[in-house]
């Protein structure tokens, strides 16, 4: 029997090449939190989650905090901030928290990330990966020549977005976006831009790769303040790296399900808002225990089914059946997720 350890409070399912997985590791580095990694493949299927824990949701990472799953980086980020922001004395949402979250979701993790993905044309993508991502992002092309043909458009859009960051940094005159301390939006924007700059290394003059030994002269490039800011965030994170311990999927599942049973009182603390638009329209009953599905509306549209236990304007929490007749709670953000009743919906 594997017993929960201090470094098992946070268990992350992911793979290193995923920018969204990288973002979660940056947050954990910032908070200085010990954590546990469960390796999963870049493509489906992922029996580590589906068979052992009942999680069919297909995007990565999936983050567990004290045995509760937080699905999507938004839900995971808020859970980490709540759990570790105050105790670490390094809160990431000190300034304009609602604005930072909206810009992270609707800018950094959407348009900026898609522009980053537009720089994959030199990446060695195998057939299985391409097939998987075509189902993940219907209508997208991962053919190298097709992506190269779109590079002028991608660079034009990237230029417009970098101009916005450059202007903000010029007006603010600070080391980071909101002052002299790193905030959530710093790490959210840094993640896809750093992906292009240091890993894909296809940013050319817009996001040139830094020299190995440092000492870069960013003044000769179109967006020097942005490049200085990226270098500052990179240096900040380099000084705070936390190396995870690893668990096998079977061991991690045992730990998670034990933690979940030990924290069973969480379910009773959750409520379903009766005046929610979905309840008022009759799409869901508004009663705890109703079977529902929760599905992303943008990419990776694979539904996750479970019993409704919590619903408010920011999140939805469902109870998922796992192996051995056990169960766990999973929280999703409301933004960009569709909730449908599986028993008696009006639609």
Foldseek 3Di string as FASTA:
>chain_A
DFADDQQDQKEKEEAVLDLLQVLLQLLCLQLLHAHAYEYADPFDDGCLPCAFAVFPQDDDIWMHGLLFTEPDSLSVVVVCLVVRVVVSVARQCPDPNVVLSCCLVVPLVPLLLVLLLLLCLPPPDDPRRQVRVCQFAPPDHPHNVVSVVCNVVSLVVVVVVLVVVLVQCVVVVALENPHPGHHSNLSSNLSSLVCCADPSQRCPLNRHHADPVHPDDLVVGPRSSVNSSSVVSVVVSVVRRHDYHYDYSNSSSVNSLVSQVVPVCVLVVAAFDCPPPCCVVQQDVRDWQFWKWKAFQGTSGDTRIFTWRHDDQFKTKGWGQGPPRTIHIYIYTPPRMDMGTPPDGPD
